[in-house]
């Protein structure tokens, strides 16, 4: 099991890697699936808060419907873990668009 510092470092590496992949639908979806697994594995509130910030930013950049939908699915889980009703509504609206 990773220490919180190791988990934060790994999350940061993953979070920096995604934006250039957003235009490559299949790769972005695979990457998001891995990112989702990592978040499920670590179950850490600080990492969920980071993920919420990243997903919010990524949604502004992503133009592929399938990628936006996957981000919204992950965001719904993250917002639920954080107990953030405002984010839950925001991700639900994006998910409903696709």
C-alpha atoms as a PDB file:
ATOM      1  CA  UNK A   1       0.000   0.000   0.000  1.00  0.00           C
ATOM      2  CA  UNK A   2       1.224   3.456  -0.884  1.00  0.00           C
ATOM      3  CA  UNK A   3       1.856   6.129   1.705  1.00  0.00           C
ATOM      4  CA  UNK A   4      -0.299   9.252   1.333  1.00  0.00           C
ATOM      5  CA  UNK A   5       2.735  11.053  -0.138  1.00  0.00           C
ATOM      6  CA  UNK A   6       3.309   8.299  -2.713  1.00  0.00           C
ATOM      7  CA  UNK A   7      -0.375   8.283  -3.643  1.00  0.00           C
ATOM      8  CA  UNK A   8      -0.380  12.082  -4.053  1.00  0.00           C
ATOM      9  CA  UNK A   9       2.741  11.921  -6.234  1.00  0.00           C
ATOM     10  CA  UNK A  10       1.279   9.183  -8.436  1.00  0.00           C
ATOM     11  CA  UNK A  11      -2.003  11.077  -8.741  1.00  0.00           C
ATOM     12  CA  UNK A  12      -0.101  14.219  -9.774  1.00  0.00           C
ATOM     13  CA  UNK A  13       1.730  12.290 -12.498  1.00  0.00           C
ATOM     14  CA  UNK A  14      -1.565  10.892 -13.811  1.00  0.00           C
ATOM     15  CA  UNK A  15      -3.257  14.282 -13.655  1.00  0.00           C
ATOM     16  CA  UNK A  16      -0.487  15.924 -15.691  1.00  0.00           C
ATOM     17  CA  UNK A  17      -0.557  13.167 -18.291  1.00  0.00           C
ATOM     18  CA  UNK A  18      -4.223  13.396 -19.281  1.00  0.00           C
ATOM     19  CA  UNK A  19      -4.720  16.848 -20.859  1.00  0.00           C
ATOM     20  CA  UNK A  20      -2.549  16.096 -23.941  1.00  0.00           C
ATOM     21  CA  UNK A  21      -4.533  12.868 -24.454  1.00  0.00           C
ATOM     22  CA  UNK A  22      -7.978  14.484 -24.548  1.00  0.00           C
ATOM     23  CA  UNK A  23      -8.074  14.653 -28.341  1.00  0.00           C
ATOM     24  CA  UNK A  24      -7.308  10.909 -28.602  1.00  0.00           C
ATOM     25  CA  UNK A  25     -10.636   9.386 -27.635  1.00  0.00           C
ATOM     26  CA  UNK A  26      -9.671   5.728 -27.144  1.00  0.00           C
ATOM     27  CA  UNK A  27      -6.475   6.530 -25.234  1.00  0.00           C
ATOM     28  CA  UNK A  28      -8.232   9.139 -23.081  1.00  0.00           C
ATOM     29  CA  UNK A  29     -10.987   6.651 -22.186  1.00  0.00           C
ATOM     30  CA  UNK A  30      -8.434   3.978 -21.241  1.00  0.00           C
ATOM     31  CA  UNK A  31      -6.514   6.504 -19.170  1.00  0.00           C
ATOM     32  CA  UNK A  32      -9.658   7.707 -17.408  1.00  0.00           C
ATOM     33  CA  UNK A  33     -10.572   4.095 -16.617  1.00  0.00           C
ATOM     34  CA  UNK A  34      -7.172   3.612 -14.998  1.00  0.00           C
ATOM     35  CA  UNK A  35      -7.483   6.918 -13.105  1.00  0.00           C
ATOM     36  CA  UNK A  36     -10.899   5.790 -11.826  1.00  0.00           C
ATOM     37  CA  UNK A  37      -9.416   2.479 -10.610  1.00  0.00           C
ATOM     38  CA  UNK A  38      -6.617   4.319  -8.830  1.00  0.00           C
ATOM     39  CA  UNK A  39      -9.090   6.595  -7.039  1.00  0.00           C
ATOM     40  CA  UNK A  40     -11.205   3.576  -6.043  1.00  0.00           C
ATOM     41  CA  UNK A  41      -8.102   1.831  -4.728  1.00  0.00           C
ATOM     42  CA  UNK A  42      -6.791   4.741  -2.647  1.00  0.00           C
ATOM     43  CA  UNK A  43     -10.130   6.071  -1.326  1.00  0.00           C
ATOM     44  CA  UNK A  44      -8.481   9.228  -0.016  1.00  0.00           C
ATOM     45  CA  UNK A  45     -10.454  12.453   0.611  1.00  0.00           C
ATOM     46  CA  UNK A  46      -7.549  14.706  -0.418  1.00  0.00           C
ATOM     47  CA  UNK A  47      -7.100  12.786  -3.654  1.00  0.00           C
ATOM     48  CA  UNK A  48     -10.851  12.944  -4.288  1.00  0.00           C
ATOM     49  CA  UNK A  49     -10.702  16.733  -3.836  1.00  0.00           C
ATOM     50  CA  UNK A  50      -7.784  16.916  -6.297  1.00  0.00           C
ATOM     51  CA  UNK A  51      -9.655  14.694  -8.725  1.00  0.00           C
ATOM     52  CA  UNK A  52     -12.712  16.946  -8.506  1.00  0.00           C
ATOM     53  CA  UNK A  53     -10.598  19.989  -9.411  1.00  0.00           C
ATOM     54  CA  UNK A  54      -8.902  18.137 -12.278  1.00  0.00           C
ATOM     55  CA  UNK A  55     -12.124  16.698 -13.678  1.00  0.00           C
ATOM     56  CA  UNK A  56     -13.751  20.127 -13.568  1.00  0.00           C
ATOM     57  CA  UNK A  57     -10.835  21.604 -15.535  1.00  0.00           C
ATOM     58  CA  UNK A  58     -10.650  18.676 -17.962  1.00  0.00           C
ATOM     59  CA  UNK A  59     -14.375  18.913 -18.722  1.00  0.00           C
ATOM     60  CA  UNK A  60     -13.772  22.447 -20.001  1.00  0.00           C
ATOM     61  CA  UNK A  61     -11.139  21.145 -22.428  1.00  0.00           C
ATOM     62  CA  UNK A  62     -12.692  17.872 -23.564  1.00  0.00           C
ATOM     63  CA  UNK A  63     -14.844  17.949 -26.674  1.00  0.00           C
ATOM     64  CA  UNK A  64     -15.435  14.236 -27.301  1.00  0.00           C
ATOM     65  CA  UNK A  65     -18.832  13.149 -25.911  1.00  0.00           C
ATOM     66  CA  UNK A  66     -17.622   9.733 -24.714  1.00  0.00           C
ATOM     67  CA  UNK A  67     -14.686  11.289 -22.858  1.00  0.00           C
ATOM     68  CA  UNK A  68     -16.907  13.937 -21.231  1.00  0.00           C
ATOM     69  CA  UNK A  69     -19.368  11.207 -20.192  1.00  0.00           C
ATOM     70  CA  UNK A  70     -16.601   9.106 -18.601  1.00  0.00           C
ATOM     71  CA  UNK A  71     -15.275  12.166 -16.760  1.00  0.00           C
ATOM     72  CA  UNK A  72     -18.790  12.881 -15.482  1.00  0.00           C
ATOM     73  CA  UNK A  73     -19.154   9.254 -14.289  1.00  0.00           C
ATOM     74  CA  UNK A  74     -15.907   9.514 -12.328  1.00  0.00           C
ATOM     75  CA  UNK A  75     -16.902  12.959 -11.089  1.00  0.00           C
ATOM     76  CA  UNK A  76     -20.199  11.612  -9.758  1.00  0.00           C
ATOM     77  CA  UNK A  77     -18.311   9.016  -7.688  1.00  0.00           C
ATOM     78  CA  UNK A  78     -15.808  11.593  -6.467  1.00  0.00           C
ATOM     79  CA  UNK A  79     -18.502  14.137  -5.538  1.00  0.00           C
ATOM     80  CA  UNK A  80     -20.439  11.401  -3.725  1.00  0.00           C
ATOM     81  CA  UNK A  81     -17.339  10.460  -1.714  1.00  0.00           C
ATOM     82  CA  UNK A  82     -16.799  14.135  -0.865  1.00  0.00           C
ATOM     83  CA  UNK A  83     -20.480  14.697  -0.020  1.00  0.00           C
ATOM     84  CA  UNK A  84     -20.457  17.646  -2.428  1.00  0.00           C
ATOM     85  CA  UNK A  85     -24.031  18.182  -3.632  1.00  0.00           C
ATOM     86  CA  UNK A  86     -23.125  21.082  -5.936  1.00  0.00           C
ATOM     87  CA  UNK A  87     -20.544  18.964  -7.770  1.00  0.00           C
ATOM     88  CA  UNK A  88     -22.965  16.030  -7.914  1.00  0.00           C
ATOM     89  CA  UNK A  89     -25.481  18.234  -9.746  1.00  0.00           C
ATOM     90  CA  UNK A  90     -22.798  19.601 -12.089  1.00  0.00           C
ATOM     91  CA  UNK A  91     -21.535  16.125 -13.043  1.00  0.00           C
ATOM     92  CA  UNK A  92     -25.080  14.782 -13.381  1.00  0.00           C
ATOM     93  CA  UNK A  93     -25.889  17.594 -15.838  1.00  0.00           C
ATOM     94  CA  UNK A  94     -22.806  16.801 -17.956  1.00  0.00           C
ATOM     95  CA  UNK A  95     -23.592  13.078 -17.837  1.00  0.00           C
ATOM     96  CA  UNK A  96     -27.177  13.750 -18.965  1.00  0.00           C
ATOM     97  CA  UNK A  97     -25.911  15.723 -21.985  1.00  0.00           C
ATOM     98  CA  UNK A  98     -24.322  12.604 -23.434  1.00  0.00           C
END
